[in-house]
């Protein structure tokens, strides 16, 4: 068996250290991107919820207008 030189030992430790550092960095990047994606999805869900709420309120308001012509065209399958 060949004796391990100092150069070999330093090279192995350097390679191991850099590998660990790269894995930690990759995990941090993945966690950051996941958090950003979750925040964007949450923002879109909130926007969609606001649109649905406003649309529903408008529809209720239009139904309560006296004298509204019930023969106005509506979307298919939607009660007038």
PDB file of N, CA and C in Angstrom:
ATOM      1  N   UNK A   1       0.829  -1.170   0.000  1.00  0.00           N
ATOM      2  CA  UNK A   1       0.000   0.000   0.000  1.00  0.00           C
ATOM      3  C   UNK A   1       0.881   1.243   0.000  1.00  0.00           C
ATOM      4  N   UNK A   2       0.543   2.168  -0.827  1.00  0.00           N
ATOM      5  CA  UNK A   2       1.325   3.385  -0.989  1.00  0.00           C
ATOM      6  C   UNK A   2       1.029   4.377   0.144  1.00  0.00           C
ATOM      7  N   UNK A   3       2.031   4.972   0.735  1.00  0.00           N
ATOM      8  CA  UNK A   3       1.784   5.938   1.810  1.00  0.00           C
ATOM      9  C   UNK A   3       1.137   7.201   1.239  1.00  0.00           C
ATOM     10  N   UNK A   4       0.203   7.762   1.981  1.00  0.00           N
ATOM     11  CA  UNK A   4      -0.497   8.959   1.543  1.00  0.00           C
ATOM     12  C   UNK A   4       0.351  10.187   1.851  1.00  0.00           C
ATOM     13  N   UNK A   5       0.595  10.951   0.842  1.00  0.00           N
ATOM     14  CA  UNK A   5       1.403  12.158   0.997  1.00  0.00           C
ATOM     15  C   UNK A   5       0.533  13.281   1.527  1.00  0.00           C
ATOM     16  N   UNK A   6       1.177  14.318   1.973  1.00  0.00           N
ATOM     17  CA  UNK A   6       0.469  15.493   2.469  1.00  0.00           C
ATOM     18  C   UNK A   6      -0.369  16.113   1.358  1.00  0.00           C
ATOM     19  N   UNK A   7       0.175  16.114   0.145  1.00  0.00           N
ATOM     20  CA  UNK A   7      -0.549  16.691  -0.997  1.00  0.00           C
ATOM     21  C   UNK A   7      -1.846  15.917  -1.245  1.00  0.00           C
ATOM     22  N   UNK A   8      -1.784  14.599  -1.147  1.00  0.00           N
ATOM     23  CA  UNK A   8      -2.973  13.772  -1.337  1.00  0.00           C
ATOM     24  C   UNK A   8      -4.004  14.042  -0.245  1.00  0.00           C
ATOM     25  N   UNK A   9      -3.571  14.097   1.014  1.00  0.00           N
ATOM     26  CA  UNK A   9      -4.478  14.340   2.129  1.00  0.00           C
ATOM     27  C   UNK A   9      -5.150  15.710   2.011  1.00  0.00           C
ATOM     28  N   UNK A  10      -4.384  16.728   1.662  1.00  0.00           N
ATOM     29  CA  UNK A  10      -4.947  18.072   1.499  1.00  0.00           C
ATOM     30  C   UNK A  10      -5.945  18.084   0.349  1.00  0.00           C
ATOM     31  N   UNK A  11      -5.638  17.412  -0.730  1.00  0.00           N
ATOM     32  CA  UNK A  11      -6.546  17.342  -1.873  1.00  0.00           C
ATOM     33  C   UNK A  11      -7.862  16.662  -1.520  1.00  0.00           C
ATOM     34  N   UNK A  12      -7.786  15.570  -0.763  1.00  0.00           N
ATOM     35  CA  UNK A  12      -9.002  14.855  -0.359  1.00  0.00           C
ATOM     36  C   UNK A  12      -9.848  15.725   0.557  1.00  0.00           C
ATOM     37  N   UNK A  13      -9.236  16.360   1.531  1.00  0.00           N
ATOM     38  CA  UNK A  13      -9.989  17.220   2.446  1.00  0.00           C
ATOM     39  C   UNK A  13     -10.574  18.426   1.728  1.00  0.00           C
ATOM     40  N   UNK A  14      -9.835  18.980   0.802  1.00  0.00           N
ATOM     41  CA  UNK A  14     -10.334  20.122   0.035  1.00  0.00           C
ATOM     42  C   UNK A  14     -11.530  19.702  -0.828  1.00  0.00           C
ATOM     43  N   UNK A  15     -11.432  18.569  -1.471  1.00  0.00           N
ATOM     44  CA  UNK A  15     -12.537  18.078  -2.301  1.00  0.00           C
ATOM     45  C   UNK A  15     -13.768  17.784  -1.446  1.00  0.00           C
ATOM     46  N   UNK A  16     -13.564  17.164  -0.303  1.00  0.00           N
ATOM     47  CA  UNK A  16     -14.686  16.855   0.591  1.00  0.00           C
ATOM     48  C   UNK A  16     -15.340  18.138   1.106  1.00  0.00           C
ATOM     49  N   UNK A  17     -14.521  19.105   1.487  1.00  0.00           N
ATOM     50  CA  UNK A  17     -15.052  20.375   1.995  1.00  0.00           C
ATOM     51  C   UNK A  17     -15.843  21.113   0.923  1.00  0.00           C
ATOM     52  N   UNK A  18     -15.326  21.159  -0.293  1.00  0.00           N
ATOM     53  CA  UNK A  18     -16.029  21.838  -1.377  1.00  0.00           C
ATOM     54  C   UNK A  18     -17.326  21.115  -1.739  1.00  0.00           C
ATOM     55  N   UNK A  19     -17.314  19.804  -1.666  1.00  0.00           N
ATOM     56  CA  UNK A  19     -18.534  19.039  -1.946  1.00  0.00           C
ATOM     57  C   UNK A  19     -19.615  19.354  -0.914  1.00  0.00           C
ATOM     58  N   UNK A  20     -19.238  19.375   0.351  1.00  0.00           N
ATOM     59  CA  UNK A  20     -20.199  19.706   1.410  1.00  0.00           C
ATOM     60  C   UNK A  20     -20.714  21.134   1.226  1.00  0.00           C
ATOM     61  N   UNK A  21     -19.824  22.065   0.909  1.00  0.00           N
ATOM     62  CA  UNK A  21     -20.235  23.450   0.707  1.00  0.00           C
ATOM     63  C   UNK A  21     -21.206  23.574  -0.469  1.00  0.00           C
ATOM     64  N   UNK A  22     -20.942  22.848  -1.549  1.00  0.00           N
ATOM     65  CA  UNK A  22     -21.842  22.910  -2.709  1.00  0.00           C
ATOM     66  C   UNK A  22     -23.207  22.319  -2.382  1.00  0.00           C
ATOM     67  N   UNK A  23     -23.253  21.242  -1.619  1.00  0.00           N
ATOM     68  CA  UNK A  23     -24.529  20.636  -1.240  1.00  0.00           C
ATOM     69  C   UNK A  23     -25.322  21.593  -0.351  1.00  0.00           C
ATOM     70  N   UNK A  24     -24.676  22.211   0.610  1.00  0.00           N
ATOM     71  CA  UNK A  24     -25.355  23.170   1.481  1.00  0.00           C
ATOM     72  C   UNK A  24     -25.866  24.350   0.663  1.00  0.00           C
ATOM     73  N   UNK A  25     -25.069  24.870  -0.235  1.00  0.00           N
ATOM     74  CA  UNK A  25     -25.484  25.983  -1.084  1.00  0.00           C
ATOM     75  C   UNK A  25     -26.683  25.596  -1.948  1.00  0.00           C
ATOM     76  N   UNK A  26     -26.644  24.409  -2.530  1.00  0.00           N
ATOM     77  CA  UNK A  26     -27.753  23.950  -3.367  1.00  0.00           C
ATOM     78  C   UNK A  26     -29.037  23.830  -2.540  1.00  0.00           C
ATOM     79  N   UNK A  27     -28.934  23.307  -1.335  1.00  0.00           N
ATOM     80  CA  UNK A  27     -30.113  23.194  -0.479  1.00  0.00           C
ATOM     81  C   UNK A  27     -30.683  24.570  -0.125  1.00  0.00           C
ATOM     82  N   UNK A  28     -29.821  25.533   0.137  1.00  0.00           N
ATOM     83  CA  UNK A  28     -30.282  26.888   0.444  1.00  0.00           C
ATOM     84  C   UNK A  28     -30.970  27.526  -0.757  1.00  0.00           C
ATOM     85  N   UNK A  29     -30.437  27.318  -1.940  1.00  0.00           N
ATOM     86  CA  UNK A  29     -31.043  27.870  -3.154  1.00  0.00           C
ATOM     87  C   UNK A  29     -32.412  27.237  -3.399  1.00  0.00           C
ATOM     88  N   UNK A  30     -32.517  25.926  -3.218  1.00  0.00           N
ATOM     89  CA  UNK A  30     -33.788  25.232  -3.410  1.00  0.00           C
ATOM     90  C   UNK A  30     -34.823  25.733  -2.407  1.00  0.00           C
ATOM     91  N   UNK A  31     -34.423  25.901  -1.157  1.00  0.00           N
ATOM     92  CA  UNK A  31     -35.353  26.403  -0.134  1.00  0.00           C
ATOM     93  C   UNK A  31     -35.822  27.814  -0.464  1.00  0.00           C
ATOM     94  N   UNK A  32     -34.911  28.672  -0.907  1.00  0.00           N
ATOM     95  CA  UNK A  32     -35.276  30.052  -1.267  1.00  0.00           C
ATOM     96  C   UNK A  32     -36.253  30.062  -2.437  1.00  0.00           C
ATOM     97  N   UNK A  33     -35.979  29.275  -3.462  1.00  0.00           N
ATOM     98  CA  UNK A  33     -36.871  29.235  -4.625  1.00  0.00           C
ATOM     99  C   UNK A  33     -38.236  28.670  -4.256  1.00  0.00           C
ATOM    100  N   UNK A  34     -38.261  27.680  -3.387  1.00  0.00           N
ATOM    101  CA  UNK A  34     -39.538  27.114  -2.943  1.00  0.00           C
ATOM    102  C   UNK A  34     -40.362  28.164  -2.195  1.00  0.00           C
ATOM    103  N   UNK A  35     -39.698  28.933  -1.324  1.00  0.00           N
ATOM    104  CA  UNK A  35     -40.400  29.988  -0.590  1.00  0.00           C
ATOM    105  C   UNK A  35     -40.933  31.062  -1.533  1.00  0.00           C
ATOM    106  N   UNK A  36     -40.145  31.427  -2.545  1.00  0.00           N
ATOM    107  CA  UNK A  36     -40.597  32.429  -3.516  1.00  0.00           C
ATOM    108  C   UNK A  36     -41.782  31.912  -4.315  1.00  0.00           C
ATOM    109  N   UNK A  37     -41.749  30.671  -4.721  1.00  0.00           N
ATOM    110  CA  UNK A  37     -42.850  30.082  -5.475  1.00  0.00           C
ATOM    111  C   UNK A  37     -44.116  30.000  -4.621  1.00  0.00           C
ATOM    112  N   UNK A  38     -43.963  29.628  -3.374  1.00  0.00           N
ATOM    113  CA  UNK A  38     -45.105  29.572  -2.471  1.00  0.00           C
ATOM    114  C   UNK A  38     -45.706  30.956  -2.258  1.00  0.00           C
ATOM    115  N   UNK A  39     -44.866  31.969  -2.119  1.00  0.00           N
ATOM    116  CA  UNK A  39     -45.360  33.344  -1.948  1.00  0.00           C
ATOM    117  C   UNK A  39     -46.102  33.815  -3.193  1.00  0.00           C
ATOM    118  N   UNK A  40     -45.594  33.491  -4.369  1.00  0.00           N
ATOM    119  CA  UNK A  40     -46.264  33.881  -5.611  1.00  0.00           C
ATOM    120  C   UNK A  40     -47.604  33.162  -5.746  1.00  0.00           C
ATOM    121  N   UNK A  41     -47.651  31.888  -5.403  1.00  0.00           N
ATOM    122  CA  UNK A  41     -48.907  31.142  -5.476  1.00  0.00           C
ATOM    123  C   UNK A  41     -49.927  31.718  -4.495  1.00  0.00           C
ATOM    124  N   UNK A  42     -49.485  32.072  -3.313  1.00  0.00           N
ATOM    125  CA  UNK A  42     -50.371  32.667  -2.320  1.00  0.00           C
ATOM    126  C   UNK A  42     -50.920  34.002  -2.810  1.00  0.00           C
ATOM    127  N   UNK A  43     -50.084  34.802  -3.434  1.00  0.00           N
ATOM    128  CA  UNK A  43     -50.529  36.089  -3.974  1.00  0.00           C
ATOM    129  C   UNK A  43     -51.585  35.881  -5.060  1.00  0.00           C
ATOM    130  N   UNK A  44     -51.377  34.909  -5.933  1.00  0.00           N
ATOM    131  CA  UNK A  44     -52.346  34.645  -6.996  1.00  0.00           C
ATOM    132  C   UNK A  44     -53.663  34.118  -6.432  1.00  0.00           C
ATOM    133  N   UNK A  45     -53.595  33.297  -5.410  1.00  0.00           N
ATOM    134  CA  UNK A  45     -54.817  32.796  -4.781  1.00  0.00           C
ATOM    135  C   UNK A  45     -55.593  33.948  -4.163  1.00  0.00           C
ATOM    136  N   UNK A  46     -54.903  34.863  -3.513  1.00  0.00           N
ATOM    137  CA  UNK A  46     -55.566  36.022  -2.920  1.00  0.00           C
ATOM    138  C   UNK A  46     -56.199  36.908  -3.986  1.00  0.00           C
ATOM    139  N   UNK A  47     -55.505  37.114  -5.098  1.00  0.00           N
ATOM    140  CA  UNK A  47     -56.071  37.906  -6.187  1.00  0.00           C
ATOM    141  C   UNK A  47     -57.317  37.235  -6.754  1.00  0.00           C
ATOM    142  N   UNK A  48     -57.257  35.938  -6.944  1.00  0.00           N
ATOM    143  CA  UNK A  48     -58.410  35.201  -7.461  1.00  0.00           C
ATOM    144  C   UNK A  48     -59.587  35.292  -6.496  1.00  0.00           C
ATOM    145  N   UNK A  49     -59.305  35.189  -5.218  1.00  0.00           N
ATOM    146  CA  UNK A  49     -60.359  35.313  -4.216  1.00  0.00           C
ATOM    147  C   UNK A  49     -61.008  36.694  -4.271  1.00  0.00           C
ATOM    148  N   UNK A  50     -60.202  37.736  -4.422  1.00  0.00           N
ATOM    149  CA  UNK A  50     -60.742  39.096  -4.531  1.00  0.00           C
ATOM    150  C   UNK A  50     -61.614  39.245  -5.770  1.00  0.00           C
ATOM    151  N   UNK A  51     -61.177  38.696  -6.893  1.00  0.00           N
ATOM    152  CA  UNK A  51     -61.951  38.791  -8.136  1.00  0.00           C
ATOM    153  C   UNK A  51     -63.287  38.076  -7.974  1.00  0.00           C
ATOM    154  N   UNK A  52     -63.287  36.899  -7.369  1.00  0.00           N
ATOM    155  CA  UNK A  52     -64.532  36.156  -7.173  1.00  0.00           C
ATOM    156  C   UNK A  52     -65.466  36.934  -6.254  1.00  0.00           C
ATOM    157  N   UNK A  53     -64.921  37.503  -5.182  1.00  0.00           N
ATOM    158  CA  UNK A  53     -65.742  38.270  -4.246  1.00  0.00           C
ATOM    159  C   UNK A  53     -66.361  39.477  -4.937  1.00  0.00           C
ATOM    160  N   UNK A  54     -65.557  40.228  -5.687  1.00  0.00           N
ATOM    161  CA  UNK A  54     -66.075  41.416  -6.365  1.00  0.00           C
ATOM    162  C   UNK A  54     -67.097  41.043  -7.429  1.00  0.00           C
ATOM    163  N   UNK A  55     -66.856  39.974  -8.138  1.00  0.00           N
ATOM    164  CA  UNK A  55     -67.788  39.528  -9.170  1.00  0.00           C
ATOM    165  C   UNK A  55     -69.124  39.126  -8.553  1.00  0.00           C
ATOM    166  N   UNK A  56     -69.061  38.420  -7.433  1.00  0.00           N
ATOM    167  CA  UNK A  56     -70.289  37.993  -6.766  1.00  0.00           C
ATOM    168  C   UNK A  56     -71.062  39.194  -6.247  1.00  0.00           C
ATOM    169  N   UNK A  57     -70.380  40.157  -5.668  1.00  0.00           N
ATOM    170  CA  UNK A  57     -71.051  41.360  -5.169  1.00  0.00           C
ATOM    171  C   UNK A  57     -71.703  42.135  -6.309  1.00  0.00           C
ATOM    172  N   UNK A  58     -71.036  42.228  -7.447  1.00  0.00           N
ATOM    173  CA  UNK A  58     -71.604  42.929  -8.596  1.00  0.00           C
ATOM    174  C   UNK A  58     -72.851  42.200  -9.080  1.00  0.00           C
ATOM    175  N   UNK A  59     -72.790  40.896  -9.134  1.00  0.00           N
ATOM    176  CA  UNK A  59     -73.938  40.122  -9.600  1.00  0.00           C
ATOM    177  C   UNK A  59     -75.126  40.322  -8.655  1.00  0.00           C
ATOM    178  N   UNK A  60     -74.883  40.305  -7.349  1.00  0.00           N
ATOM    179  CA  UNK A  60     -75.962  40.533  -6.385  1.00  0.00           C
ATOM    180  C   UNK A  60     -76.538  41.934  -6.543  1.00  0.00           C
ATOM    181  N   UNK A  61     -75.672  42.909  -6.752  1.00  0.00           N
ATOM    182  CA  UNK A  61     -76.134  44.288  -6.916  1.00  0.00           C
ATOM    183  C   UNK A  61     -76.975  44.426  -8.181  1.00  0.00           C
ATOM    184  N   UNK A  62     -76.580  43.792  -9.256  1.00  0.00           N
ATOM    185  CA  UNK A  62     -77.340  43.879 -10.498  1.00  0.00           C
ATOM    186  C   UNK A  62     -78.704  43.209 -10.363  1.00  0.00           C
ATOM    187  N   UNK A  63     -78.800  42.160  -9.589  1.00  0.00           N
ATOM    188  CA  UNK A  63     -80.084  41.485  -9.400  1.00  0.00           C
ATOM    189  C   UNK A  63     -81.051  42.330  -8.593  1.00  0.00           C
ATOM    190  N   UNK A  64     -80.548  43.215  -7.759  1.00  0.00           N
ATOM    191  CA  UNK A  64     -81.397  44.016  -6.879  1.00  0.00           C
ATOM    192  C   UNK A  64     -81.814  45.344  -7.492  1.00  0.00           C
ATOM    193  N   UNK A  65     -81.371  45.654  -8.698  1.00  0.00           N
ATOM    194  CA  UNK A  65     -81.740  46.906  -9.334  1.00  0.00           C
ATOM    195  C   UNK A  65     -83.196  46.803  -9.790  1.00  0.00           C
ATOM    196  N   UNK A  66     -84.065  47.714  -9.295  1.00  0.00           N
ATOM    197  CA  UNK A  66     -85.462  47.656  -9.725  1.00  0.00           C
ATOM    198  C   UNK A  66     -85.592  48.086 -11.183  1.00  0.00           C
ATOM    199  N   UNK A  67     -86.487  47.458 -11.915  1.00  0.00           N
ATOM    200  CA  UNK A  67     -86.728  47.815 -13.295  1.00  0.00           C
ATOM    201  C   UNK A  67     -85.709  47.235 -14.259  1.00  0.00           C
ATOM    202  N   UNK A  68     -84.856  46.394 -13.775  1.00  0.00           N
ATOM    203  CA  UNK A  68     -83.872  45.785 -14.673  1.00  0.00           C
ATOM    204  C   UNK A  68     -84.592  44.827 -15.594  1.00  0.00           C
ATOM    205  N   UNK A  69     -84.291  44.933 -16.864  1.00  0.00           N
ATOM    206  CA  UNK A  69     -84.952  44.085 -17.850  1.00  0.00           C
ATOM    207  C   UNK A  69     -84.434  42.661 -17.709  1.00  0.00           C
ATOM    208  N   UNK A  70     -85.330  41.728 -17.406  1.00  0.00           N
ATOM    209  CA  UNK A  70     -84.899  40.342 -17.218  1.00  0.00           C
ATOM    210  C   UNK A  70     -84.603  39.656 -18.542  1.00  0.00           C
ATOM    211  N   UNK A  71     -84.905  40.353 -19.665  1.00  0.00           N
ATOM    212  CA  UNK A  71     -84.648  39.752 -20.975  1.00  0.00           C
ATOM    213  C   UNK A  71     -83.238  40.062 -21.472  1.00  0.00           C
ATOM    214  N   UNK A  72     -82.430  40.667 -20.620  1.00  0.00           N
ATOM    215  CA  UNK A  72     -81.064  40.953 -21.045  1.00  0.00           C
ATOM    216  C   UNK A  72     -80.329  39.643 -21.251  1.00  0.00           C
ATOM    217  N   UNK A  73     -79.434  39.618 -22.224  1.00  0.00           N
ATOM    218  CA  UNK A  73     -78.714  38.374 -22.467  1.00  0.00           C
ATOM    219  C   UNK A  73     -77.806  38.013 -21.301  1.00  0.00           C
ATOM    220  N   UNK A  74     -77.826  36.756 -20.964  1.00  0.00           N
ATOM    221  CA  UNK A  74     -76.944  36.252 -19.904  1.00  0.00           C
ATOM    222  C   UNK A  74     -76.099  35.148 -20.488  1.00  0.00           C
ATOM    223  N   UNK A  75     -75.133  34.706 -19.715  1.00  0.00           N
ATOM    224  CA  UNK A  75     -74.307  33.595 -20.154  1.00  0.00           C
ATOM    225  C   UNK A  75     -75.132  32.322 -20.116  1.00  0.00           C
ATOM    226  N   UNK A  76     -74.760  31.400 -20.934  1.00  0.00           N
ATOM    227  CA  UNK A  76     -75.492  30.154 -21.033  1.00  0.00           C
ATOM    228  C   UNK A  76     -75.490  29.416 -19.700  1.00  0.00           C
ATOM    229  N   UNK A  77     -76.636  28.974 -19.259  1.00  0.00           N
ATOM    230  CA  UNK A  77     -76.751  28.224 -18.024  1.00  0.00           C
ATOM    231  C   UNK A  77     -76.803  29.104 -16.800  1.00  0.00           C
ATOM    232  N   UNK A  78     -76.785  30.409 -16.948  1.00  0.00           N
ATOM    233  CA  UNK A  78     -76.780  31.329 -15.824  1.00  0.00           C
ATOM    234  C   UNK A  78     -78.172  31.921 -15.664  1.00  0.00           C
ATOM    235  N   UNK A  79     -78.748  31.882 -14.472  1.00  0.00           N
ATOM    236  CA  UNK A  79     -80.090  32.458 -14.308  1.00  0.00           C
ATOM    237  C   UNK A  79     -80.061  33.967 -14.441  1.00  0.00           C
ATOM    238  N   UNK A  80     -81.118  34.521 -14.981  1.00  0.00           N
ATOM    239  CA  UNK A  80     -81.152  35.977 -15.180  1.00  0.00           C
ATOM    240  C   UNK A  80     -81.653  36.673 -13.947  1.00  0.00           C
TER     241      UNK A  80
END
